[in-house]
Amino acid sequence: MTQWIETINSYAWGLPMLVLLLGTGIFLTLGLGLLTLRRIPTAFGLLMGGRKGRGDGDIAPFKALMTSLSATIGTGNIAGVATAITLGGPGALFWMWITALFGMATKYAEGVLAVKYRERDDRGGYSGGPMYYIRNGLGPNYRWLAFLFALFGALAGFGLANTVQSNSVAQVLTDNLAIPWQVTGVVLMLFVGTVILGGIQRIAKTAGALVPAMAIAYVAMSLLVLVMNMSAVPAAFVTIIDSAFNGSAAAGGFAGATVWAAIRFGVARGIFSNEAGLGSAPIAHAAAQTNEPVEQGLVAMLGTLIDTLIICTMTGLVIVLTGVLDSGVSGASLTAAAFGQALPGGEWVVTIGVVLFATTTMIGWSFYGERCVVFLVGTRGILPFRILWVLAIPVGAGMNLSLIWLVADTLNAFMAIPNLIALLLLSPVVFRLSKAYFATGSSAPGTALSD
């Protein structure tokens, strides 16, 4: 079965998928007239002013972004970046930047459509995301596509964002503090359960407190390393850019192959990190207290900027600066070695980062899965889903998850395909709403539909 799933993944996450993901971002960026790059200051202004809601919805726009980031900022920011650089050379970081710049347009479009086509469930809560903008935007003929997205979304989280994350936390705490995985599993279960059983309000409140704190702390420690090695920073950027186009000094093979590896792993890890195009983040943004789809789209695109252009860049620069790339280790161990080389006890930055990032991912993705279940079976599925989600955490902490990793990757690809189809087909709606908003200060109101 493992070999069979690996074969599926080789196609599911092969060149066509990467081209589709990156190509959608390029198409939307150009179709919007580079709006997502020109309006970054506007987006930050909306974010700072979005701590209180200004319309219908469940949570403030700021907390909607923090909920999205709680799911997005995970072990990929620590281990994923290191893996990309190990496999593709320092140039992989450059291609992660390119992916993020175009991925901002993808996230923007997802946020716009999420608010435009969201609904209210029978408990008064707001539900949105790809399954809703597929059904409500593309019509009944595409309902099957919405169903598939919701089904894959409900299942994918148990692998990618639940068991895999709890397992990562258990491993790092066992390795560094000799804490038994059983203890880690139970503590995580109790903490995450306490948060998610309180619904979106408690999830958003927790995310609003934890995400800024952990992101700022991680960036601050990374900046400290950069300041301590300030004279080497320009050379690090030169190395990254040169490797992106000319290949790194790999032993054996030819430069072209190394350049392709930089592109392949940079694009792939960039997408895995910020989830632009996967369709997960708009589920959180659909709950924002706003009646203006374009404004939430602008806030949504900052998730890609913060996740990849800031946090992943910090990880990559620390690795390149400290010269640990040839140490023979990879993943989180490489990032830990880099911080340990630069700072006394620096490896604890990674240990604490993995624990916090993984925990918030479990919390944020629980809401994604829950909304997918609501689309499939209604609100009666909320409590059973939350219970299953919590019970899966200690199970994942002690399992060998190689097969679950593979299945999660497959389900993620199956989520992305319906979402990307919808984004391309509904792009005229995104372009029209954006043009109206920036011409008049208002677009067509994103009135919630009622079941």
Protein backbone atom coordinates (compact mmCIF):
# COMPACT_ATOMS: atom_id res chain seq x y z
CA MET A 1 0.00 0.00 0.00
CA THR A 2 2.86 2.37 0.79
CA GLN A 3 4.37 1.86 -2.65
CA TRP A 4 0.96 2.33 -4.27
CA ILE A 5 0.35 5.63 -2.45
CA GLU A 6 3.88 6.82 -3.22
CA THR A 7 3.14 6.24 -6.90
CA ILE A 8 -0.07 8.26 -6.65
CA ASN A 9 1.79 11.09 -4.89
CA SER A 10 4.48 11.17 -7.56
CA TYR A 11 1.72 12.17 -9.97
CA ALA A 12 -0.44 14.13 -7.54
CA TRP A 13 2.48 16.38 -6.52
CA GLY A 14 4.44 16.11 -9.75
CA LEU A 15 5.25 18.81 -12.26
CA PRO A 16 1.65 19.29 -13.54
CA MET A 17 0.37 20.08 -10.02
CA LEU A 18 3.20 22.51 -9.29
CA VAL A 19 2.58 24.21 -12.64
CA LEU A 20 -1.15 24.41 -11.89
CA LEU A 21 -0.58 25.89 -8.43
CA LEU A 22 2.05 28.39 -9.49
CA GLY A 23 0.30 29.09 -12.80
CA THR A 24 -2.96 29.96 -11.04
CA GLY A 25 -1.09 32.44 -8.85
CA ILE A 26 0.61 34.03 -11.87
CA PHE A 27 -2.70 34.25 -13.78
CA LEU A 28 -4.48 35.90 -10.84
CA THR A 29 -1.57 38.27 -10.15
CA LEU A 30 -1.55 39.51 -13.74
CA GLY A 31 -5.34 39.57 -13.98
CA LEU A 32 -5.48 41.78 -10.90
CA GLY A 33 -2.88 44.13 -12.38
CA LEU A 34 -0.32 43.31 -9.65
CA LEU A 35 -2.86 44.54 -7.09
CA THR A 36 -1.62 42.12 -4.44
CA LEU A 37 1.87 43.58 -4.63
CA ARG A 38 0.81 47.22 -4.88
CA ARG A 39 -1.72 47.06 -2.05
CA ILE A 40 0.41 45.49 0.69
CA PRO A 41 0.41 48.73 2.77
CA THR A 42 -3.39 48.89 2.40
CA ALA A 43 -3.65 45.30 3.58
CA PHE A 44 -1.58 45.96 6.71
CA GLY A 45 -3.74 49.01 7.44
CA LEU A 46 -6.86 46.84 7.25
CA LEU A 47 -5.24 44.21 9.45
CA MET A 48 -4.37 46.71 12.18
CA GLY A 49 -7.85 48.17 11.98
CA GLY A 50 -9.46 44.76 11.92
CA ARG A 51 -9.25 43.90 15.59
CA LYS A 52 -12.95 44.70 15.85
CA GLY A 53 -15.54 43.42 13.42
CA ARG A 54 -17.24 45.79 11.02
CA GLY A 55 -20.02 43.62 9.66
CA ASP A 56 -21.63 40.20 9.76
CA GLY A 57 -19.55 37.23 10.86
CA ASP A 58 -18.31 35.31 13.88
CA ILE A 59 -14.82 36.71 14.56
CA ALA A 60 -12.89 39.92 13.89
CA PRO A 61 -10.91 40.06 10.59
CA PHE A 62 -7.64 40.13 12.57
CA LYS A 63 -8.57 36.95 14.42
CA ALA A 64 -9.64 35.31 11.16
CA LEU A 65 -6.10 35.81 9.85
CA MET A 66 -4.59 34.60 13.12
CA THR A 67 -6.79 31.47 12.96
CA SER A 68 -5.60 30.92 9.40
CA LEU A 69 -1.97 31.44 10.41
CA SER A 70 -2.35 29.12 13.39
CA ALA A 71 -3.03 26.34 10.89
CA THR A 72 -0.47 27.51 8.33
CA ILE A 73 2.54 28.25 10.52
CA GLY A 74 3.68 24.77 11.47
CA THR A 75 6.61 22.43 11.41
CA GLY A 76 6.97 23.21 7.70
CA ASN A 77 8.40 26.60 8.63
CA ILE A 78 11.16 24.89 10.59
CA ALA A 79 11.61 21.43 9.08
CA GLY A 80 10.17 22.09 5.62
CA VAL A 81 12.51 24.96 4.79
CA ALA A 82 15.52 22.95 5.94
CA THR A 83 14.43 20.00 3.80
CA ALA A 84 14.01 22.23 0.74
CA ILE A 85 17.48 23.71 1.16
CA THR A 86 19.02 20.28 1.78
CA LEU A 87 17.48 18.80 -1.37
CA GLY A 88 17.53 21.84 -3.64
CA GLY A 89 20.40 23.93 -2.33
CA PRO A 90 20.20 27.50 -0.99
CA GLY A 91 18.48 28.55 -4.24
CA ALA A 92 15.34 26.74 -3.11
CA LEU A 93 14.70 29.66 -0.76
CA PHE A 94 14.61 32.07 -3.71
CA TRP A 95 11.96 29.97 -5.44
CA MET A 96 9.98 29.87 -2.20
CA TRP A 97 9.93 33.69 -2.37
CA ILE A 98 8.70 33.63 -5.97
CA THR A 99 5.99 31.13 -5.07
CA ALA A 100 4.87 33.33 -2.18
CA LEU A 101 4.72 36.50 -4.27
CA PHE A 102 2.32 34.86 -6.71
CA GLY A 103 0.65 32.85 -3.97
CA MET A 104 -0.52 36.10 -2.38
CA ALA A 105 -2.91 36.55 -5.32
CA THR A 106 -4.22 33.02 -4.81
CA LYS A 107 -4.87 33.69 -1.12
CA TYR A 108 -6.45 37.04 -2.00
CA ALA A 109 -8.89 35.40 -4.42
CA GLU A 110 -9.71 32.70 -1.86
CA GLY A 111 -10.50 35.32 0.78
CA VAL A 112 -12.69 37.35 -1.58
CA LEU A 113 -14.72 34.33 -2.68
CA ALA A 114 -14.97 32.95 0.86
CA VAL A 115 -16.82 36.04 2.10
CA LYS A 116 -18.80 36.52 -1.12
CA TYR A 117 -20.33 33.03 -1.12
CA ARG A 118 -20.42 32.08 2.57
CA GLU A 119 -23.56 30.82 4.31
CA ARG A 120 -25.01 30.66 7.81
CA ASP A 121 -25.69 27.27 9.33
CA ASP A 122 -28.75 26.40 11.41
CA ARG A 123 -26.90 27.47 14.57
CA GLY A 124 -26.17 30.92 13.18
CA GLY A 125 -22.47 30.27 12.55
CA TYR A 126 -20.77 31.26 9.31
CA SER A 127 -19.44 28.62 6.94
CA GLY A 128 -17.45 29.24 3.81
CA GLY A 129 -14.51 28.14 1.75
CA PRO A 130 -14.05 26.28 -1.53
CA MET A 131 -17.01 23.92 -1.02
CA TYR A 132 -19.33 26.91 -0.72
CA TYR A 133 -17.93 29.08 -3.47
CA ILE A 134 -17.93 26.05 -5.75
CA ARG A 135 -21.58 25.29 -5.05
CA ASN A 136 -22.88 28.86 -4.80
CA GLY A 137 -20.60 30.42 -7.38
CA LEU A 138 -20.43 27.73 -10.05
CA GLY A 139 -23.91 26.33 -9.60
CA PRO A 140 -25.57 22.92 -9.10
CA ASN A 141 -23.61 21.21 -11.88
CA TYR A 142 -20.46 21.57 -9.77
CA ARG A 143 -21.94 20.38 -6.49
CA TRP A 144 -20.08 17.07 -6.83
CA LEU A 145 -16.80 19.00 -6.92
CA ALA A 146 -17.74 20.83 -3.72
CA PHE A 147 -18.60 17.50 -2.10
CA LEU A 148 -15.20 16.07 -3.02
CA PHE A 149 -13.35 19.05 -1.58
CA ALA A 150 -15.27 18.82 1.70
CA LEU A 151 -14.70 15.08 1.94
CA PHE A 152 -10.95 15.36 1.33
CA GLY A 153 -10.71 18.36 3.67
CA ALA A 154 -12.48 16.55 6.51
CA LEU A 155 -10.13 13.57 6.20
CA ALA A 156 -6.83 15.30 5.37
CA GLY A 157 -6.61 17.15 8.68
CA PHE A 158 -6.41 13.92 10.70
CA GLY A 159 -3.13 13.16 8.99
CA LEU A 160 -1.46 16.43 8.07
CA ALA A 161 -2.59 18.53 11.02
CA ASN A 162 -3.45 16.15 13.81
CA THR A 163 -1.56 12.87 14.20
CA VAL A 164 1.53 14.04 12.32
CA GLN A 165 1.76 17.21 14.41
CA SER A 166 1.27 15.46 17.75
CA ASN A 167 3.89 12.92 16.70
CA SER A 168 6.37 15.72 15.90
CA VAL A 169 5.84 17.26 19.33
CA ALA A 170 6.17 13.89 21.08
CA GLN A 171 9.42 13.10 19.25
CA VAL A 172 11.09 16.44 19.96
CA LEU A 173 10.13 16.34 23.66
CA THR A 174 11.27 12.73 24.00
CA ASP A 175 14.60 13.47 22.33
CA ASN A 176 15.34 16.64 24.27
CA LEU A 177 13.62 16.19 27.62
CA ALA A 178 13.01 12.41 27.81
CA ILE A 179 9.28 13.03 28.23
CA PRO A 180 7.33 9.84 27.39
CA TRP A 181 5.14 10.16 24.31
CA GLN A 182 2.13 9.05 26.36
CA VAL A 183 2.45 12.11 28.59
CA THR A 184 2.82 14.43 25.61
CA GLY A 185 -0.20 12.87 23.90
CA VAL A 186 -2.48 13.28 26.92
CA VAL A 187 -1.38 16.88 27.64
CA LEU A 188 -1.89 17.87 24.00
CA MET A 189 -5.28 16.16 23.95
CA LEU A 190 -6.44 18.08 27.02
CA PHE A 191 -5.14 21.45 25.82
CA VAL A 192 -6.35 21.21 22.23
CA GLY A 193 -9.65 19.69 23.38
CA THR A 194 -10.27 22.56 25.80
CA VAL A 195 -9.77 25.03 22.96
CA ILE A 196 -11.69 23.42 20.10
CA LEU A 197 -14.66 22.31 22.19
CA GLY A 198 -15.29 26.01 22.74
CA GLY A 199 -15.87 26.55 19.03
CA ILE A 200 -14.58 29.24 16.69
CA GLN A 201 -14.73 31.98 19.33
CA ARG A 202 -12.30 30.16 21.64
CA ILE A 203 -10.13 29.00 18.71
CA ALA A 204 -9.87 32.57 17.45
CA LYS A 205 -9.13 33.95 20.91
CA THR A 206 -6.36 31.40 21.45
CA ALA A 207 -4.93 31.97 17.98
CA GLY A 208 -5.08 35.73 18.45
CA ALA A 209 -2.91 35.40 21.56
CA LEU A 210 -0.52 32.59 20.60
CA VAL A 211 0.20 33.20 16.91
CA PRO A 212 1.55 36.79 17.14
CA ALA A 213 3.58 35.92 20.23
CA MET A 214 5.22 32.81 18.81
CA ALA A 215 5.82 34.35 15.38
CA ILE A 216 7.38 37.51 16.82
CA ALA A 217 9.55 35.49 19.22
CA TYR A 218 10.83 33.20 16.46
CA VAL A 219 11.54 36.11 14.10
CA ALA A 220 13.26 38.04 16.92
CA MET A 221 15.61 35.13 17.69
CA SER A 222 16.34 34.76 13.97
CA LEU A 223 17.06 38.48 13.64
CA LEU A 224 19.43 38.21 16.58
CA VAL A 225 21.41 35.57 14.66
CA LEU A 226 21.38 37.79 11.56
CA VAL A 227 22.61 40.82 13.53
CA MET A 228 25.41 38.75 15.08
CA ASN A 229 26.47 37.74 11.56
CA MET A 230 25.60 41.02 9.85
CA SER A 231 28.75 41.14 7.73
CA ALA A 232 27.86 37.78 6.16
CA VAL A 233 24.22 38.61 5.34
CA PRO A 234 24.91 40.18 1.89
CA ALA A 235 26.98 37.15 0.89
CA ALA A 236 24.15 34.85 2.03
CA PHE A 237 21.69 36.61 -0.28
CA VAL A 238 24.21 36.37 -3.14
CA THR A 239 24.59 32.64 -2.48
CA ILE A 240 20.82 32.12 -2.46
CA ILE A 241 20.23 34.01 -5.72
CA ASP A 242 23.27 32.53 -7.49
CA SER A 243 22.23 29.01 -6.49
CA ALA A 244 18.70 29.64 -7.77
CA PHE A 245 19.92 30.27 -11.32
CA ASN A 246 23.31 28.56 -11.53
CA GLY A 247 22.96 25.66 -9.14
CA SER A 248 24.86 24.99 -5.97
CA ALA A 249 28.16 23.15 -5.78
CA ALA A 250 26.66 19.70 -5.73
CA ALA A 251 28.93 16.68 -5.88
CA GLY A 252 28.26 14.90 -9.18
CA GLY A 253 25.51 15.59 -11.70
CA PHE A 254 25.28 18.76 -13.73
CA ALA A 255 24.30 22.31 -12.87
CA GLY A 256 20.98 22.15 -14.73
CA ALA A 257 19.79 19.28 -12.57
CA THR A 258 20.67 21.22 -9.43
CA VAL A 259 18.83 24.31 -10.68
CA TRP A 260 15.76 22.17 -11.37
CA ALA A 261 16.01 20.72 -7.85
CA ALA A 262 16.07 24.25 -6.41
CA ILE A 263 12.95 25.17 -8.40
CA ARG A 264 11.13 21.93 -7.66
CA PHE A 265 11.72 21.80 -3.92
CA GLY A 266 11.46 25.57 -3.48
CA VAL A 267 8.05 25.74 -5.16
CA ALA A 268 6.79 22.57 -3.48
CA ARG A 269 7.86 23.52 0.06
CA GLY A 270 6.67 27.08 -0.44
CA ILE A 271 3.19 25.84 -1.32
CA PHE A 272 3.17 23.31 1.52
CA SER A 273 4.19 26.04 3.94
CA ASN A 274 1.72 28.81 3.07
CA GLU A 275 -1.04 26.54 1.67
CA ALA A 276 -1.87 29.04 -1.09
CA GLY A 277 -4.17 27.18 -3.46
CA LEU A 278 -4.98 24.27 -1.15
CA GLY A 279 -8.25 25.91 -0.11
CA SER A 280 -7.81 25.63 3.65
CA ALA A 281 -7.32 29.27 4.68
CA PRO A 282 -10.55 30.66 3.14
CA ILE A 283 -12.54 28.47 5.55
CA ALA A 284 -11.26 30.65 8.40
CA HIS A 285 -11.63 33.94 6.51
CA ALA A 286 -15.28 33.16 5.75
CA ALA A 287 -16.01 33.62 9.47
CA ALA A 288 -14.67 37.21 9.52
CA GLN A 289 -16.94 40.02 10.69
CA THR A 290 -17.05 41.97 7.45
CA ASN A 291 -19.43 42.62 4.59
CA GLU A 292 -16.64 43.55 2.20
CA PRO A 293 -15.09 40.56 0.37
CA VAL A 294 -12.20 42.57 -1.07
CA GLU A 295 -11.06 43.83 2.32
CA GLN A 296 -10.92 40.31 3.74
CA GLY A 297 -9.10 39.18 0.62
CA LEU A 298 -6.42 41.77 1.29
CA VAL A 299 -6.11 40.60 4.90
CA ALA A 300 -6.00 36.98 3.75
CA MET A 301 -3.07 37.52 1.38
CA LEU A 302 -0.92 38.71 4.28
CA GLY A 303 -0.93 35.13 5.56
CA THR A 304 1.32 34.09 2.67
CA LEU A 305 3.58 37.10 3.17
CA ILE A 306 3.99 36.46 6.90
CA ASP A 307 4.36 32.69 6.62
CA THR A 308 6.81 32.43 3.73
CA LEU A 309 8.40 35.81 3.03
CA ILE A 310 9.08 36.47 6.71
CA ILE A 311 9.15 33.31 8.85
CA CYS A 312 10.48 30.84 6.25
CA THR A 313 13.04 33.43 5.15
CA MET A 314 14.32 33.70 8.71
CA THR A 315 14.80 29.94 8.92
CA GLY A 316 16.54 29.79 5.55
CA LEU A 317 18.91 32.67 6.25
CA VAL A 318 19.95 31.25 9.62
CA ILE A 319 20.79 27.91 7.95
CA VAL A 320 22.77 29.54 5.13
CA LEU A 321 24.58 31.99 7.43
CA THR A 322 25.74 29.45 9.99
CA GLY A 323 27.28 27.08 7.45
CA VAL A 324 25.60 23.92 8.75
CA LEU A 325 24.25 22.88 5.37
CA ASP A 326 27.03 20.30 4.90
CA SER A 327 26.56 18.79 8.35
CA GLY A 328 24.73 15.76 6.98
CA VAL A 329 21.49 16.33 8.89
CA SER A 330 18.17 17.54 7.52
CA GLY A 331 14.74 18.73 8.61
CA ALA A 332 14.22 20.21 12.06
CA SER A 333 17.60 18.81 13.15
CA LEU A 334 19.35 21.02 10.58
CA THR A 335 17.49 24.12 11.78
CA ALA A 336 18.30 23.20 15.40
CA ALA A 337 21.96 22.79 14.48
CA ALA A 338 21.95 26.23 12.85
CA PHE A 339 20.52 28.00 15.88
CA GLY A 340 22.75 25.98 18.20
CA GLN A 341 25.79 27.05 16.20
CA ALA A 342 24.86 30.72 16.46
CA LEU A 343 23.50 30.96 20.01
CA PRO A 344 24.27 29.16 23.27
CA GLY A 345 21.30 26.86 23.76
CA GLY A 346 19.91 28.01 20.42
CA GLU A 347 18.54 24.56 19.66
CA TRP A 348 15.81 25.29 22.21
CA VAL A 349 14.44 27.90 19.81
CA VAL A 350 13.60 25.04 17.47
CA THR A 351 12.31 22.75 20.22
CA ILE A 352 9.91 25.36 21.55
CA GLY A 353 9.02 26.43 18.02
CA VAL A 354 8.06 22.90 16.99
CA VAL A 355 5.88 22.48 20.08
CA LEU A 356 4.03 25.78 19.62
CA PHE A 357 3.77 25.70 15.84
CA ALA A 358 2.49 22.11 15.81
CA THR A 359 -0.02 22.74 18.60
CA THR A 360 -1.55 25.77 16.91
CA THR A 361 -1.74 23.82 13.64
CA MET A 362 -3.85 21.18 15.39
CA ILE A 363 -6.16 23.90 16.70
CA GLY A 364 -6.54 25.81 13.44
CA TRP A 365 -7.05 22.80 11.21
CA SER A 366 -9.73 21.42 13.54
CA PHE A 367 -11.95 24.31 12.44
CA TYR A 368 -11.24 23.57 8.78
CA GLY A 369 -12.26 19.94 9.18
CA GLU A 370 -15.31 20.88 11.21
CA ARG A 371 -16.63 23.25 8.53
CA CYS A 372 -16.11 20.55 5.90
CA VAL A 373 -18.17 18.17 8.05
CA VAL A 374 -20.91 20.80 8.40
CA PHE A 375 -21.07 21.07 4.60
CA LEU A 376 -21.37 17.27 4.30
CA VAL A 377 -23.80 16.36 7.09
CA GLY A 378 -24.89 19.60 8.78
CA THR A 379 -24.27 20.86 12.29
CA ARG A 380 -25.12 17.49 13.82
CA GLY A 381 -21.64 16.39 12.79
CA ILE A 382 -19.80 19.06 14.81
CA LEU A 383 -19.61 17.34 18.20
CA PRO A 384 -18.69 13.87 16.87
CA PHE A 385 -15.96 15.44 14.71
CA ARG A 386 -14.51 17.39 17.64
CA ILE A 387 -14.45 14.27 19.82
CA LEU A 388 -12.74 12.21 17.11
CA TRP A 389 -10.23 15.01 16.53
CA VAL A 390 -9.27 15.14 20.20
CA LEU A 391 -9.04 11.36 20.57
CA ALA A 392 -6.76 11.08 17.53
CA ILE A 393 -4.10 13.30 19.12
CA PRO A 394 -2.62 10.82 21.67
CA VAL A 395 -2.92 8.03 19.09
CA GLY A 396 -0.75 10.00 16.68
CA ALA A 397 1.80 10.79 19.38
CA GLY A 398 2.90 7.18 19.61
CA MET A 399 2.36 5.88 16.07
CA ASN A 400 4.69 5.24 13.17
CA LEU A 401 3.19 7.73 10.77
CA SER A 402 5.06 7.14 7.52
CA LEU A 403 1.91 5.82 5.81
CA ILE A 404 -0.29 8.55 7.29
CA TRP A 405 2.14 11.20 5.97
CA LEU A 406 1.74 9.76 2.48
CA VAL A 407 -2.06 9.57 2.69
CA ALA A 408 -2.24 13.15 3.99
CA ASP A 409 -0.15 14.37 1.05
CA THR A 410 -2.51 12.61 -1.34
CA LEU A 411 -5.62 14.09 0.26
CA ASN A 412 -4.05 17.56 0.18
CA ALA A 413 -3.51 17.26 -3.56
CA PHE A 414 -7.11 16.12 -3.96
CA MET A 415 -8.21 19.22 -2.00
CA ALA A 416 -6.17 21.55 -4.19
CA ILE A 417 -7.56 20.41 -7.54
CA PRO A 418 -11.25 21.37 -6.94
CA ASN A 419 -10.16 24.64 -5.34
CA LEU A 420 -7.89 25.64 -8.23
CA ILE A 421 -10.60 24.82 -10.77
CA ALA A 422 -13.00 27.07 -8.86
CA LEU A 423 -10.47 29.91 -8.57
CA LEU A 424 -9.85 29.91 -12.31
CA LEU A 425 -13.54 29.69 -13.24
CA LEU A 426 -14.56 32.35 -10.69
CA SER A 427 -11.64 34.67 -11.45
CA PRO A 428 -13.93 37.09 -13.38
CA VAL A 429 -15.91 37.55 -10.16
CA VAL A 430 -12.71 38.34 -8.24
CA PHE A 431 -11.58 40.79 -10.92
CA ARG A 432 -15.00 42.51 -11.03
CA LEU A 433 -15.31 42.90 -7.25
CA SER A 434 -11.74 44.20 -6.99
CA LYS A 435 -12.23 46.73 -9.78
CA ALA A 436 -15.46 48.00 -8.20
CA TYR A 437 -13.93 48.27 -4.73
CA PHE A 438 -10.87 50.25 -5.76
CA ALA A 439 -12.90 52.47 -8.07
CA THR A 440 -15.72 53.34 -5.66
CA GLY A 441 -14.59 52.14 -2.23
CA SER A 442 -17.17 49.37 -2.18
CA SER A 443 -17.84 46.17 -4.06
CA ALA A 444 -21.00 44.12 -4.23
CA PRO A 445 -21.80 43.27 -0.58
CA GLY A 446 -20.95 39.74 0.49
CA THR A 447 -24.36 39.06 1.94
CA ALA A 448 -24.52 35.73 3.65
CA LEU A 449 -26.82 33.18 2.10
CA SER A 450 -29.14 31.26 4.36
CA ASP A 451 -29.61 27.51 4.23
